[in-house]
Amino acid sequence: MDNRYVKVAVVQAAPILFDKQSAMDKIGSMSRQAAAEGAKLIVFPEVFLPGYPRGLGFGARVGSRTEEGRQHWRRYWASSIDIPGAETELLGELAKELGVYLIVGAVERDREFSRGTLYNTIVYFGPDGDLLGKHRKLVPTGSERLLWGQGDGSTLTVIDTPYGRIGGLICWENYMPLARAAIYSQGIDIYIAPTADARDSWQATIRHIACEGRCYVLSSNQYATKSSYPEDLAGHEDLREDDEVLSRGGSAIVGPLGEYVAEPLYGQEGLLFATLDLDQVAQSRFDFDVVGHYSRPDIFRLIVNDAKQEIVKKSSDLVRE
């Protein structure tokens, strides 16, 4: 097998919001469709499992939260997943069945401390079914901060594969230059950028990252409509003035010189495919390597705290240390 080449698939779709089983079913069906077309790496959008609650206010205003909004948020919490947990076991089995690298955006419940905080997370699975790692979004954007906590530097994850090094950041984390530098410094070849941003400016962002990092960029967004929201959702009134299409998509695949390998998909669910030539990553760095010959460590230096942040330590843990 020539590992210089790998066929990849980017998924553009949405589950029924807050419906964990809907998301799992759709991951299964669309992954099988992508694998049947020869894809060895499959990427799903930001918080695909169990969905991005676009347009919902959760009863929150500055200085107050409603009881209905709290119940609404509890529903989101209940439809989220543990990592590792029952859903990651099933996703690992799916990756093994298909022999693919499977990358899924999920809402993760804290399982170490309070169990009350949620995180916006990328989860990586290998073709042997192993859970290879995860990345928690460092800074949720705007009102997202009411839903998700902040990740730390311990999950700036980049994974070695036969097809190069794979990792990435979520949505507007990609506007954080130092976060990008931390990923570039790990020798990234295939950069994963799941998003909820369907604006034209997002295309400029992913093309810039590809050109700056001299890497392939796989960006996956949801195509979401009001009909993908459950009928008994308490927050339907929040969407009254919104168009039927809540997110038009814009998933795309970009090459290491900033050119489209797969043009943006708008206005529908679907799969984008491309065969990546990893030799082009090395070739692209001939004249620009952002953390190599084009860096100036005598002038600039980035210090990354990659330690896991723990709010509680037991005395027995301190003794072992």
Protein backbone atom coordinates (compact mmCIF):
# COMPACT_ATOMS: atom_id res chain seq x y z
CA MET A 1 0.00 0.00 0.00
CA ASP A 2 1.28 3.45 -0.95
CA ASN A 3 0.70 5.63 2.11
CA ARG A 4 1.61 8.77 0.22
CA TYR A 5 -2.00 8.84 -0.90
CA VAL A 6 -5.16 8.67 1.17
CA LYS A 7 -8.79 9.12 0.16
CA VAL A 8 -10.71 11.22 2.66
CA ALA A 9 -14.37 12.07 3.17
CA VAL A 10 -15.89 15.14 4.82
CA VAL A 11 -19.48 14.79 6.00
CA GLN A 12 -21.99 17.63 5.74
CA ALA A 13 -25.16 16.71 7.61
CA ALA A 14 -27.09 17.23 10.85
CA PRO A 15 -28.87 14.83 13.21
CA ILE A 16 -32.16 15.49 14.97
CA LEU A 17 -31.01 17.94 17.61
CA PHE A 18 -30.56 16.51 21.14
CA ASP A 19 -31.26 13.02 19.77
CA LYS A 20 -28.19 10.93 20.50
CA GLN A 21 -29.50 7.90 18.64
CA SER A 22 -30.25 9.96 15.54
CA ALA A 23 -26.67 11.18 15.53
CA MET A 24 -25.24 7.70 16.07
CA ASP A 25 -27.42 6.27 13.28
CA LYS A 26 -26.33 9.01 10.89
CA ILE A 27 -22.66 8.54 11.76
CA GLY A 28 -23.07 4.86 10.97
CA SER A 29 -24.90 5.28 7.66
CA MET A 30 -22.75 8.11 6.30
CA SER A 31 -19.50 6.43 7.41
CA ARG A 32 -20.51 3.24 5.60
CA GLN A 33 -21.35 5.26 2.51
CA ALA A 34 -17.97 7.02 2.64
CA ALA A 35 -16.05 3.78 3.25
CA ALA A 36 -17.86 2.12 0.34
CA GLU A 37 -16.40 4.89 -1.85
CA GLY A 38 -12.89 4.06 -0.59
CA ALA A 39 -12.42 6.70 2.10
CA LYS A 40 -9.87 5.83 4.78
CA LEU A 41 -10.35 9.01 6.82
CA ILE A 42 -13.85 10.33 7.61
CA VAL A 43 -14.59 13.66 9.33
CA PHE A 44 -17.87 14.75 10.94
CA PRO A 45 -18.84 18.34 11.89
CA GLU A 46 -18.47 20.25 15.15
CA VAL A 47 -20.62 18.72 17.94
CA PHE A 48 -22.41 16.47 15.45
CA LEU A 49 -23.20 14.23 18.40
CA PRO A 50 -25.86 15.33 19.50
CA GLY A 51 -26.01 18.50 17.37
CA TYR A 52 -25.23 22.23 17.39
CA PRO A 53 -28.11 24.17 19.03
CA ARG A 54 -28.00 27.07 16.61
CA GLY A 55 -30.44 29.86 17.40
CA LEU A 56 -31.45 28.66 20.85
CA GLY A 57 -31.23 31.00 23.84
CA PHE A 58 -31.65 28.48 26.69
CA GLY A 59 -33.68 31.12 28.54
CA ALA A 60 -30.56 33.17 29.31
CA ARG A 61 -30.27 36.93 29.65
CA VAL A 62 -27.64 39.00 31.42
CA GLY A 63 -28.44 38.57 35.10
CA SER A 64 -31.01 35.78 34.82
CA ARG A 65 -31.78 32.28 33.55
CA THR A 66 -35.29 30.82 33.25
CA GLU A 67 -36.46 27.51 34.71
CA GLU A 68 -37.48 26.40 31.22
CA GLY A 69 -33.98 27.20 29.98
CA ARG A 70 -32.42 25.09 32.74
CA GLN A 71 -34.63 22.15 31.76
CA HIS A 72 -33.69 22.73 28.15
CA TRP A 73 -29.97 22.64 29.00
CA ARG A 74 -30.42 19.48 31.07
CA ARG A 75 -31.82 17.84 27.93
CA TYR A 76 -28.65 18.81 26.09
CA TRP A 77 -26.54 17.44 28.95
CA ALA A 78 -28.48 14.15 28.91
CA SER A 79 -27.92 13.71 25.18
CA SER A 80 -24.16 14.30 25.47
CA ILE A 81 -21.56 11.54 25.85
CA ASP A 82 -18.82 10.33 28.15
CA ILE A 83 -15.33 9.91 26.67
CA PRO A 84 -14.60 7.07 26.98
CA GLY A 85 -18.09 5.63 27.30
CA ALA A 86 -20.77 3.53 25.65
CA GLU A 87 -20.97 5.72 22.53
CA THR A 88 -17.21 5.83 22.00
CA GLU A 89 -17.13 2.04 22.22
CA LEU A 90 -19.72 1.86 19.43
CA LEU A 91 -17.86 4.43 17.33
CA GLY A 92 -14.62 2.48 17.81
CA GLU A 93 -16.37 -0.68 16.65
CA LEU A 94 -17.62 1.20 13.59
CA ALA A 95 -14.12 2.46 12.75
CA LYS A 96 -12.77 -1.09 13.10
CA GLU A 97 -15.56 -2.59 11.00
CA LEU A 98 -14.84 -0.13 8.18
CA GLY A 99 -11.06 0.00 8.65
CA VAL A 100 -11.02 3.81 8.77
CA TYR A 101 -9.82 6.72 10.83
CA LEU A 102 -13.05 8.23 12.18
CA ILE A 103 -13.12 11.79 13.52
CA VAL A 104 -16.31 12.99 15.19
CA GLY A 105 -17.35 16.25 16.81
CA ALA A 106 -19.18 15.53 20.08
CA VAL A 107 -20.49 17.20 23.21
CA GLU A 108 -18.54 15.61 26.06
CA ARG A 109 -19.67 15.42 29.70
CA ASP A 110 -17.07 15.98 32.38
CA ARG A 111 -16.70 12.59 34.08
CA GLU A 112 -13.86 13.42 36.50
CA PHE A 113 -15.13 16.14 38.80
CA SER A 114 -18.65 17.60 38.97
CA ARG A 115 -20.07 15.74 35.93
CA GLY A 116 -22.00 18.95 35.27
CA THR A 117 -19.76 20.69 32.71
CA LEU A 118 -19.93 19.99 28.98
CA TYR A 119 -17.10 20.34 26.45
CA ASN A 120 -17.06 20.82 22.69
CA THR A 121 -14.74 18.00 21.65
CA ILE A 122 -13.15 16.30 18.63
CA VAL A 123 -12.78 12.52 19.13
CA TYR A 124 -10.31 10.44 17.10
CA PHE A 125 -10.67 6.70 16.41
CA GLY A 126 -8.26 4.40 14.59
CA PRO A 127 -8.95 1.58 12.13
CA ASP A 128 -8.22 -0.91 14.91
CA GLY A 129 -11.11 0.57 16.88
CA ASP A 130 -8.94 2.31 19.46
CA LEU A 131 -9.87 5.71 20.89
CA LEU A 132 -6.72 7.57 19.85
CA GLY A 133 -7.32 10.90 21.54
CA LYS A 134 -9.51 13.96 21.83
CA HIS A 135 -9.35 17.73 21.69
CA ARG A 136 -11.51 20.04 23.79
CA LYS A 137 -12.29 23.48 22.37
CA LEU A 138 -10.13 26.00 24.20
CA VAL A 139 -12.50 28.98 24.04
CA PRO A 140 -16.19 28.57 23.15
CA THR A 141 -17.46 31.54 21.16
CA GLY A 142 -19.98 34.09 22.43
CA SER A 143 -23.10 32.45 23.87
CA GLU A 144 -21.45 29.03 23.50
CA ARG A 145 -19.63 29.86 26.74
CA LEU A 146 -22.85 29.26 28.65
CA LEU A 147 -23.00 25.72 27.22
CA TRP A 148 -19.39 24.50 27.17
CA GLY A 149 -16.37 24.77 29.42
CA GLN A 150 -12.86 25.64 28.30
CA GLY A 151 -10.41 22.91 27.35
CA ASP A 152 -6.75 23.00 28.39
CA GLY A 153 -3.42 22.46 26.68
CA SER A 154 -3.37 18.74 27.45
CA THR A 155 -5.69 18.05 24.50
CA LEU A 156 -3.84 19.90 21.74
CA THR A 157 -3.85 16.49 20.13
CA VAL A 158 -1.92 15.46 17.01
CA ILE A 159 -1.91 11.78 16.04
CA ASP A 160 0.64 9.78 14.05
CA THR A 161 -0.90 7.71 11.25
CA PRO A 162 0.44 5.95 8.16
CA TYR A 163 -0.93 8.94 6.23
CA GLY A 164 0.94 11.59 8.19
CA ARG A 165 0.14 13.52 11.34
CA ILE A 166 -3.50 14.45 11.95
CA GLY A 167 -4.93 16.99 14.39
CA GLY A 168 -6.76 20.28 14.46
CA LEU A 169 -8.87 22.95 16.13
CA ILE A 170 -12.60 23.67 16.29
CA CYS A 171 -14.31 26.59 14.57
CA TRP A 172 -13.17 29.98 15.89
CA GLU A 173 -10.26 28.47 17.84
CA ASN A 174 -8.72 28.67 14.39
CA TYR A 175 -8.62 32.46 14.78
CA MET A 176 -6.18 32.03 17.69
CA PRO A 177 -2.69 32.39 16.13
CA LEU A 178 -0.89 30.81 19.08
CA ALA A 179 -3.23 27.81 19.12
CA ARG A 180 -2.53 27.29 15.41
CA ALA A 181 1.20 27.57 16.09
CA ALA A 182 0.92 24.90 18.79
CA ILE A 183 -0.65 22.55 16.24
CA TYR A 184 1.81 23.44 13.46
CA SER A 185 4.72 22.77 15.81
CA GLN A 186 3.67 19.12 16.03
CA GLY A 187 4.31 18.55 12.34
CA ILE A 188 0.72 18.57 11.16
CA ASP A 189 0.00 17.14 7.69
CA ILE A 190 -3.81 16.85 7.72
CA TYR A 191 -5.50 19.61 9.70
CA ILE A 192 -9.08 18.97 10.90
CA ALA A 193 -11.28 22.09 11.21
CA PRO A 194 -14.88 21.18 12.10
CA THR A 195 -17.03 24.29 12.32
CA ALA A 196 -20.47 25.85 12.69
CA ASP A 197 -19.50 28.87 10.56
CA ALA A 198 -21.17 28.94 7.13
CA ARG A 199 -20.09 32.45 6.16
CA ASP A 200 -17.90 33.26 3.16
CA SER A 201 -15.19 34.51 5.53
CA TRP A 202 -14.76 30.95 6.86
CA GLN A 203 -13.51 29.91 3.45
CA ALA A 204 -10.82 32.58 3.66
CA THR A 205 -9.87 31.18 7.08
CA ILE A 206 -9.40 27.56 6.04
CA ARG A 207 -7.52 28.55 2.87
CA HIS A 208 -5.23 30.75 4.94
CA ILE A 209 -4.57 27.93 7.44
CA ALA A 210 -3.70 25.54 4.61
CA CYS A 211 -1.32 28.05 3.09
CA GLU A 212 0.16 29.10 6.45
CA GLY A 213 0.56 25.57 7.81
CA ARG A 214 1.40 24.03 4.43
CA CYS A 215 -1.02 21.23 5.22
CA TYR A 216 -4.29 19.82 3.97
CA VAL A 217 -7.34 21.27 5.74
CA LEU A 218 -10.57 19.28 6.08
CA SER A 219 -13.44 21.49 7.20
CA SER A 220 -16.80 19.92 8.04
CA ASN A 221 -19.99 21.85 8.80
CA GLN A 222 -23.60 20.86 9.40
CA TYR A 223 -26.36 21.48 6.91
CA ALA A 224 -29.15 22.18 9.39
CA THR A 225 -32.79 23.16 9.00
CA LYS A 226 -35.63 23.86 11.41
CA SER A 227 -37.03 20.43 10.54
CA SER A 228 -33.98 18.84 12.22
CA TYR A 229 -35.14 20.28 15.55
CA PRO A 230 -37.51 18.05 17.57
CA GLU A 231 -41.15 19.12 17.65
CA ASP A 232 -41.29 19.10 21.46
CA LEU A 233 -38.29 21.42 21.78
CA ALA A 234 -39.10 24.18 24.25
CA GLY A 235 -36.97 26.71 22.37
CA HIS A 236 -38.85 26.72 19.07
CA GLU A 237 -39.99 30.29 19.71
CA ASP A 238 -36.33 31.38 19.58
CA LEU A 239 -36.33 30.36 15.89
CA ARG A 240 -39.58 32.06 14.89
CA GLU A 241 -37.91 34.76 12.78
CA ASP A 242 -35.14 32.54 11.38
CA ASP A 243 -35.07 31.10 7.86
CA GLU A 244 -35.85 27.40 7.38
CA VAL A 245 -32.18 26.75 6.58
CA LEU A 246 -30.26 27.47 9.78
CA SER A 247 -26.82 26.51 8.43
CA ARG A 248 -26.13 26.24 4.70
CA GLY A 249 -22.94 24.20 5.17
CA GLY A 250 -19.77 25.18 3.34
CA SER A 251 -17.71 22.05 4.07
CA ALA A 252 -14.56 21.95 1.96
CA ILE A 253 -11.14 20.36 1.50
CA VAL A 254 -8.13 22.59 0.87
CA GLY A 255 -4.62 21.70 -0.34
CA PRO A 256 -1.31 22.81 1.21
CA LEU A 257 -0.91 25.80 -1.11
CA GLY A 258 -4.39 27.09 -0.29
CA GLU A 259 -6.21 25.75 -3.34
CA TYR A 260 -9.50 23.86 -3.12
CA VAL A 261 -9.22 20.10 -3.54
CA ALA A 262 -12.98 19.84 -3.00
CA GLU A 263 -15.03 23.02 -3.46
CA PRO A 264 -17.41 24.15 -0.69
CA LEU A 265 -20.76 22.34 -0.56
CA TYR A 266 -23.80 24.53 0.13
CA GLY A 267 -27.52 24.00 0.51
CA GLN A 268 -27.63 20.25 1.03
CA GLU A 269 -26.41 17.28 3.00
CA GLY A 270 -23.67 15.27 1.36
CA LEU A 271 -20.16 13.87 1.30
CA LEU A 272 -17.05 15.52 -0.12
CA PHE A 273 -14.24 13.25 -1.29
CA ALA A 274 -10.63 13.88 -2.20
CA THR A 275 -7.47 11.83 -2.61
CA LEU A 276 -4.67 13.59 -0.75
CA ASP A 277 -1.10 13.38 -2.03
CA LEU A 278 1.09 13.68 1.07
CA ASP A 279 4.16 14.41 -1.08
CA GLN A 280 2.55 17.78 -1.76
CA VAL A 281 2.87 18.69 1.92
CA ALA A 282 6.66 18.30 1.79
CA GLN A 283 6.85 20.06 -1.58
CA SER A 284 4.83 23.01 -0.30
CA ARG A 285 7.31 23.62 2.53
CA PHE A 286 10.18 24.17 0.09
CA ASP A 287 9.72 27.93 0.30
CA PHE A 288 7.73 28.34 3.53
CA ASP A 289 7.74 26.32 6.76
CA VAL A 290 5.99 28.28 9.49
CA VAL A 291 7.67 26.42 12.38
CA GLY A 292 10.84 25.56 10.46
CA HIS A 293 13.06 27.72 8.26
CA TYR A 294 10.49 30.54 8.23
CA SER A 295 10.43 30.85 12.02
CA ARG A 296 12.71 33.13 14.02
CA PRO A 297 13.20 31.48 17.43
CA ASP A 298 15.82 34.08 18.28
CA ILE A 299 13.00 36.66 18.24
CA PHE A 300 9.75 34.75 18.86
CA ARG A 301 9.07 31.86 21.20
CA LEU A 302 5.81 30.15 22.19
CA ILE A 303 5.47 28.35 25.53
CA VAL A 304 2.59 25.85 25.61
CA ASN A 305 1.32 24.57 28.94
CA ASP A 306 0.33 21.05 27.97
CA ALA A 307 -0.28 19.86 31.54
CA LYS A 308 -3.72 18.57 32.43
CA GLN A 309 -5.41 21.06 34.75
CA GLU A 310 -6.90 19.49 37.87
CA ILE A 311 -9.07 21.37 40.33
CA VAL A 312 -8.79 18.69 43.02
CA LYS A 313 -5.82 16.61 44.12
CA LYS A 314 -6.05 13.94 46.80
CA SER A 315 -3.27 13.58 49.34
CA SER A 316 -2.69 10.02 48.10
CA ASP A 317 -2.01 11.43 44.63
CA LEU A 318 0.54 13.86 46.06
CA VAL A 319 2.35 11.02 47.86
CA ARG A 320 2.63 9.05 44.61
CA GLU A 321 4.08 12.11 42.88
